[in-house]
Protein backbone atom coordinates (compact mmCIF):
# COMPACT_ATOMS: atom_id res chain seq x y z
CA UNK A 1 107.07 94.58 143.37
CA UNK A 2 105.72 96.75 140.25
CA UNK A 3 108.05 98.57 138.10
CA UNK A 4 106.70 102.43 137.58
CA UNK A 5 108.05 104.12 134.69
CA UNK A 6 106.99 107.69 133.62
CA UNK A 7 107.45 109.38 130.49
CA UNK A 8 110.55 110.83 131.42
CA UNK A 9 111.87 107.34 132.31
CA UNK A 10 110.31 105.42 129.17
CA UNK A 11 112.00 108.46 126.72
CA UNK A 12 115.34 107.82 128.20
CA UNK A 13 115.24 104.28 127.94
CA UNK A 14 114.49 104.52 124.36
CA UNK A 15 117.16 106.11 123.05
CA UNK A 16 119.11 103.31 124.61
CA UNK A 17 117.60 100.89 123.31
CA UNK A 18 116.35 102.58 119.84
CA UNK A 19 118.19 99.80 117.87
CA UNK A 20 115.84 96.67 119.08
CA UNK A 21 112.16 98.35 119.12
CA UNK A 22 111.70 97.44 115.26
CA UNK A 23 112.97 93.89 115.82
CA UNK A 24 110.62 93.57 119.04
CA UNK A 25 107.73 94.72 117.24
CA UNK A 26 108.26 92.49 114.15
CA UNK A 27 108.74 89.60 116.39
CA UNK A 28 105.28 90.41 117.99
CA UNK A 29 103.56 90.49 114.47
CA UNK A 30 105.38 87.25 113.54
CA UNK A 31 103.94 85.73 116.93
CA UNK A 32 100.84 86.65 115.89
CA UNK A 33 100.63 85.01 112.79
CA UNK A 34 102.45 81.62 114.37
CA UNK A 35 99.72 81.39 117.12
CA UNK A 36 102.14 82.47 119.68
CA UNK A 37 100.14 85.47 120.80
CA UNK A 38 96.80 86.17 121.50
CA UNK A 39 94.82 89.78 120.00
CA UNK A 40 91.44 90.39 120.41
CA UNK A 41 89.66 93.31 118.86
CA UNK A 42 89.64 96.18 121.42
CA UNK A 43 86.29 97.29 123.12
CA UNK A 44 85.49 100.59 122.09
CA UNK A 45 83.46 102.49 125.20
CA UNK A 46 81.68 105.76 124.10
CA UNK A 47 81.10 108.04 126.91
CA UNK A 48 77.93 109.44 126.46
CA UNK A 49 77.26 112.92 125.98
CA UNK A 50 80.83 113.80 125.82
CA UNK A 51 82.30 112.77 122.44
CA UNK A 52 85.08 110.90 123.82
CA UNK A 53 86.17 107.09 123.38
CA UNK A 54 87.96 104.68 125.64
CA UNK A 55 89.22 101.52 124.30
CA UNK A 56 90.86 98.55 126.23
CA UNK A 57 93.88 97.24 124.12
CA UNK A 58 94.65 93.66 125.36
CA UNK A 59 97.06 91.42 124.11
CA UNK A 60 98.81 88.34 125.63
CA UNK A 61 102.44 86.75 124.54
CA UNK A 62 103.61 83.46 125.13
CA UNK A 63 107.42 84.46 123.97
CA UNK A 64 107.17 87.64 125.87
CA UNK A 65 105.40 85.96 129.15
CA UNK A 66 103.12 89.26 129.20
CA UNK A 67 99.48 89.99 129.43
CA UNK A 68 99.02 93.83 128.87
CA UNK A 69 95.75 96.27 128.28
CA UNK A 70 96.75 99.54 127.30
CA UNK A 71 93.77 101.99 128.24
CA UNK A 72 93.18 104.68 125.51
CA UNK A 73 91.59 108.00 126.05
CA UNK A 74 90.56 109.58 122.75
CA UNK A 75 88.81 112.97 123.86
CA UNK A 76 88.69 115.91 121.08
CA UNK A 77 87.43 118.20 123.98
CA UNK A 78 90.97 118.21 125.15
CA UNK A 79 92.00 120.04 122.07
CA UNK A 80 90.48 123.56 123.34
CA UNK A 81 92.17 122.63 127.18
CA UNK A 82 95.16 122.75 125.64
CA UNK A 83 95.78 118.86 126.52
CA UNK A 84 96.77 115.65 124.33
CA UNK A 85 93.36 114.33 122.72
CA UNK A 86 95.13 110.79 123.22
CA UNK A 87 96.18 109.62 126.75
CA UNK A 88 96.60 106.32 127.53
CA UNK A 89 98.47 103.59 130.13
CA UNK A 90 99.90 100.22 129.86
CA UNK A 91 99.69 97.79 132.75
CA UNK A 92 101.71 94.39 132.44
CA UNK A 93 101.17 91.44 134.10
CA UNK A 94 103.00 88.44 134.36
CA UNK A 95 101.92 85.47 131.89
CA UNK A 96 102.73 82.78 134.19
CA UNK A 97 101.95 84.14 137.91
CA UNK A 98 99.38 87.12 136.96
CA UNK A 99 101.79 89.40 138.96
CA UNK A 100 101.65 92.95 138.16
CA UNK A 101 104.96 93.77 136.57
CA UNK A 102 104.29 97.38 135.32
CA UNK A 103 102.37 99.94 134.97
CA UNK A 104 103.76 102.68 131.81
CA UNK A 105 102.35 105.68 130.49
CA UNK A 106 101.39 105.05 127.28
CA UNK A 107 102.83 108.04 125.05
CA UNK A 108 106.25 107.89 124.28
CA UNK A 109 105.38 103.76 124.25
CA UNK A 110 102.56 104.59 121.96
CA UNK A 111 104.90 106.83 119.31
CA UNK A 112 108.03 104.26 119.43
CA UNK A 113 105.65 101.30 118.79
CA UNK A 114 103.67 102.94 115.80
CA UNK A 115 106.72 104.41 113.91
CA UNK A 116 108.29 101.01 114.36
CA UNK A 117 105.26 99.17 113.03
CA UNK A 118 105.73 101.37 110.05
CA UNK A 119 109.13 100.69 109.57
CA UNK A 120 108.37 96.80 109.88
CA UNK A 121 105.77 97.08 107.36
CA UNK A 122 107.77 99.48 104.96
CA UNK A 123 110.83 96.96 104.84
CA UNK A 124 108.79 93.98 103.69
CA UNK A 125 106.53 95.83 101.44
CA UNK A 126 108.83 98.83 99.62
CA UNK A 127 110.64 98.67 96.80
CA UNK A 128 114.37 97.78 97.26
CA UNK A 129 115.19 101.05 95.19
CA UNK A 130 112.99 103.84 97.27
CA UNK A 131 115.17 106.69 97.38
CA UNK A 132 112.42 109.34 98.32
CA UNK A 133 110.28 109.48 101.78
CA UNK A 134 107.56 111.85 101.97
CA UNK A 135 106.03 112.86 105.47
CA UNK A 136 102.42 114.12 105.42
CA UNK A 137 102.02 115.90 108.70
CA UNK A 138 105.10 117.43 111.00
CA UNK A 139 103.97 116.29 114.39
CA UNK A 140 105.79 114.07 116.73
CA UNK A 141 104.86 111.26 115.31
CA UNK A 142 106.64 112.36 112.14
CA UNK A 143 110.18 113.18 113.85
CA UNK A 144 109.55 109.27 115.48
CA UNK A 145 108.96 107.97 111.99
CA UNK A 146 111.73 110.03 110.47
CA UNK A 147 113.93 108.38 113.08
CA UNK A 148 112.66 105.02 112.76
CA UNK A 149 112.53 104.98 109.26
CA UNK A 150 116.19 105.97 108.22
CA UNK A 151 118.51 103.57 109.70
CA UNK A 152 119.58 100.85 107.25
CA UNK A 153 117.99 102.77 104.60
CA UNK A 154 119.35 104.17 101.35
CA UNK A 155 116.83 107.23 101.28
CA UNK A 156 118.55 110.17 99.35
CA UNK A 157 116.06 112.92 100.87
CA UNK A 158 112.96 113.42 102.79
CA UNK A 159 109.95 115.90 101.31
CA UNK A 160 107.46 116.86 103.70
CA UNK A 161 104.44 119.12 104.68
CA UNK A 162 102.26 120.10 107.43
CA UNK A 163 99.25 122.47 107.91
CA UNK A 164 101.43 124.89 109.97
CA UNK A 165 104.16 126.21 107.64
CA UNK A 166 106.52 127.17 111.08
CA UNK A 167 106.57 123.70 112.22
CA UNK A 168 107.12 122.30 108.48
CA UNK A 169 110.59 124.43 108.33
CA UNK A 170 111.20 123.54 111.87
CA UNK A 171 110.97 119.43 110.89
CA UNK A 172 112.76 119.78 107.82
CA UNK A 173 115.29 121.87 109.76
CA UNK A 174 115.50 119.15 112.69
CA UNK A 175 116.11 116.06 110.04
CA UNK A 176 118.93 117.97 108.17
CA UNK A 177 120.37 118.56 111.82
CA UNK A 178 120.01 115.63 113.58
CA UNK A 179 119.82 112.91 110.91
CA UNK A 180 121.79 113.89 107.94
CA UNK A 181 119.51 113.97 105.59
CA UNK A 182 118.36 116.40 103.30
CA UNK A 183 114.72 117.60 103.56
CA UNK A 184 112.53 119.63 101.37
CA UNK A 185 109.20 121.30 102.55
CA UNK A 186 106.61 121.21 100.04
CA UNK A 187 103.47 122.80 98.76
CA UNK A 188 100.81 120.41 99.86
CA UNK A 189 99.79 116.54 100.01
CA UNK A 190 99.45 116.38 96.74
CA UNK A 191 102.90 117.38 95.95
CA UNK A 192 104.43 115.31 98.45
CA UNK A 193 102.95 112.13 97.57
CA UNK A 194 103.69 112.60 93.72
CA UNK A 195 107.34 113.35 95.02
CA UNK A 196 107.53 110.37 97.60
CA UNK A 197 108.37 106.47 96.83
CA UNK A 198 107.79 106.12 100.45
CA UNK A 199 104.61 107.76 101.59
CA UNK A 200 103.96 108.47 105.82
CA UNK A 201 100.45 110.18 106.26
CA UNK A 202 100.44 111.36 110.34
CA UNK A 203 97.87 113.23 110.50
CA UNK A 204 94.57 113.30 112.84
CA UNK A 205 92.19 113.50 109.71
CA UNK A 206 88.67 112.99 109.43
CA UNK A 207 88.53 113.51 105.85
CA UNK A 208 90.96 112.29 103.37
CA UNK A 209 94.21 114.55 102.52
CA UNK A 210 95.54 111.69 100.05
CA UNK A 211 94.05 110.87 96.75
CA UNK A 212 94.69 107.52 94.72
CA UNK A 213 94.80 109.54 91.83
CA UNK A 214 98.57 110.73 92.72
CA UNK A 215 99.61 107.49 93.61
CA UNK A 216 102.59 106.46 91.49
CA UNK A 217 103.15 102.52 90.24
CA UNK A 218 105.65 100.88 92.63
CA UNK A 219 104.91 103.38 95.47
CA UNK A 220 104.64 102.16 98.88
CA UNK A 221 101.92 103.85 101.37
CA UNK A 222 101.68 103.81 105.33
CA UNK A 223 98.35 105.37 106.59
CA UNK A 224 99.19 105.40 109.99
CA UNK A 225 97.62 108.73 111.48
CA UNK A 226 93.80 108.51 111.74
CA UNK A 227 92.86 108.10 114.82
CA UNK A 228 90.61 104.59 115.72
CA UNK A 229 87.52 105.66 114.82
CA UNK A 230 85.62 104.36 111.64
CA UNK A 231 84.82 107.76 110.46
CA UNK A 232 88.09 108.97 110.18
CA UNK A 233 91.01 108.10 107.34
CA UNK A 234 93.36 109.61 105.04
CA UNK A 235 93.38 107.72 102.15
CA UNK A 236 89.91 108.21 100.20
CA UNK A 237 88.46 105.20 98.52
CA UNK A 238 90.22 104.97 95.22
CA UNK A 239 93.71 104.98 96.74
CA UNK A 240 92.65 102.01 98.93
CA UNK A 241 90.91 100.84 95.52
CA UNK A 242 94.61 101.17 93.58
CA UNK A 243 96.46 99.30 96.80
CA UNK A 244 97.63 95.88 97.33
CA UNK A 245 96.45 96.39 101.19
CA UNK A 246 98.28 94.51 104.25
CA UNK A 247 96.77 95.55 108.02
CA UNK A 248 98.47 95.38 111.63
CA UNK A 249 95.35 93.04 112.40
CA UNK A 250 92.39 91.89 110.74
CA UNK A 251 90.08 92.23 113.59
CA UNK A 252 91.00 95.36 115.04
CA UNK A 253 91.03 97.20 111.25
CA UNK A 254 87.96 96.05 110.80
CA UNK A 255 86.20 97.34 114.01
CA UNK A 256 88.61 100.51 114.08
CA UNK A 257 89.79 101.81 110.63
CA UNK A 258 87.81 104.35 108.90
CA UNK A 259 90.56 103.13 105.65
CA UNK A 260 88.72 99.69 105.72
CA UNK A 261 85.06 100.64 106.93
CA UNK A 262 84.45 103.24 104.71
CA UNK A 263 85.59 101.59 101.14
CA UNK A 264 83.23 98.56 102.40
CA UNK A 265 80.47 99.94 103.23
CA UNK A 266 80.50 102.26 99.77
CA UNK A 267 80.64 98.58 98.22
CA UNK A 268 84.26 99.50 96.77
CA UNK A 269 85.80 96.44 98.31
CA UNK A 270 85.19 93.71 100.41
CA UNK A 271 86.52 91.73 103.50
CA UNK A 272 88.79 89.36 101.45
CA UNK A 273 90.52 92.40 99.98
CA UNK A 274 91.53 93.84 103.55
CA UNK A 275 92.36 90.27 105.28
CA UNK A 276 96.29 90.01 104.98
CA UNK A 277 98.13 90.77 107.92
CA UNK A 278 101.88 92.40 108.49
CA UNK A 279 102.57 89.38 110.25
CA UNK A 280 101.56 86.57 107.63
CA UNK A 281 103.76 88.60 105.32
CA UNK A 282 106.32 88.28 107.54
CA UNK A 283 105.82 84.79 108.08
CA UNK A 284 105.68 84.52 104.07
CA UNK A 285 102.03 83.08 104.66
CA UNK A 286 100.29 85.39 102.42
CA UNK A 287 102.64 87.66 99.56
CA UNK A 288 102.83 91.52 100.08
CA UNK A 289 104.61 93.44 96.86
CA UNK A 290 104.11 90.74 93.96
CA UNK A 291 105.57 93.48 91.39
CA UNK A 292 107.64 96.49 90.72
CA UNK A 293 104.70 98.11 89.76
CA UNK A 294 102.46 97.56 92.71
CA UNK A 295 101.23 100.30 95.04
CA UNK A 296 101.49 98.66 98.42
CA UNK A 297 99.06 100.45 101.13
CA UNK A 298 99.75 99.37 105.14
CA UNK A 299 96.91 100.26 107.16
CA UNK A 300 98.21 101.16 110.74
CA UNK A 301 95.44 101.26 113.40
CA UNK A 302 97.59 100.31 116.00
CA UNK A 303 97.13 97.34 118.51
CA UNK A 304 97.71 95.95 121.89
CA UNK A 305 99.91 93.46 120.66
CA UNK A 306 102.76 95.97 119.87
CA UNK A 307 102.39 97.84 123.27
CA UNK A 308 103.53 94.91 125.11
CA UNK A 309 106.50 94.29 122.83
CA UNK A 310 108.01 97.44 123.80
CA UNK A 311 106.50 97.47 126.85
CA UNK A 312 108.47 94.15 127.35
CA UNK A 313 111.68 95.89 126.12
CA UNK A 314 111.19 98.69 128.17
CA UNK A 315 110.30 96.11 131.44
CA UNK A 316 113.52 94.27 130.86
CA UNK A 317 116.14 97.53 130.15
CA UNK A 318 114.59 99.10 133.34
CA UNK A 319 115.54 96.40 135.29
CA UNK A 320 119.41 95.83 133.99
CA UNK A 321 119.96 99.62 134.52
CA UNK A 322 118.22 100.24 137.75
CA UNK A 323 115.50 102.71 136.49
CA UNK A 324 112.11 103.62 137.28
CA UNK A 325 110.38 103.55 140.64
CA UNK A 326 109.55 100.03 142.23
CA UNK A 327 106.65 99.72 144.56
CA UNK A 328 104.18 96.82 146.56
CA UNK A 329 101.02 96.82 145.38
CA UNK A 330 99.93 94.07 147.60
CA UNK A 331 101.79 96.54 151.00
């Protein structure tokens, strides 16, 4: 039988397994570094005449016993239709038998694993005395990041900015009410950057919103929001050059990340400057932060192995709790 998990199924399950998501994502990156998982670069399939791109994000994991593919549709024209620009679904099959174990809506999976990867990278790379968390962007990804980054960390306050002042105020109020941390709306990206010990950029920007000239020694930056397109980025070249860079997966970043491809095209850096993966830092085979003065940058493109890790967690939780819908695809 194949398990079907809808967006509402997944949202409810994530509330119950929230504390386990960060570990699941950390483990999948470690598995990749240790050769226990497979993560090819996803092929991009631009649809002629539409401006849309489809990505098949495949992965397989021996410890998880799964192979998955998330089909991601990146459709800018949806914005005018009042629809999400990005939509996705995750297909999971047994690594042992090939049987279709589950089909999951991708929206909540993507949001949860993205925030969890940022939390893993921040724990590995940020200074231990970081006290101010900055958020540039105020959409659902910002809420997911605030919820993922706060547990177990001693932030005194959150500073944030978004293009819509009303949404910025709503996010600050939600953080204060739901998470119990003081949150303040600042005047712009520069103000947030300069006030933050840990900065998360969470916008679908094409042109850089954040300048490296604003970085301070010891800062940690998570570049998260730009879609997987080589001409989109949130951090300018100076910011990338000033940083010790860690990517989620090199082959994917080399194919899809504007933060990587634009500095390479400009000759500002070489490929060797980007060849440090998060899993290698977790495994201790490559250094992350080497001094209190380093500016560290986690370039998060998002990879299918993270989707697999969260899918495994959700599939197991759904079976234990009797959630979701089961159908016989072979019937």
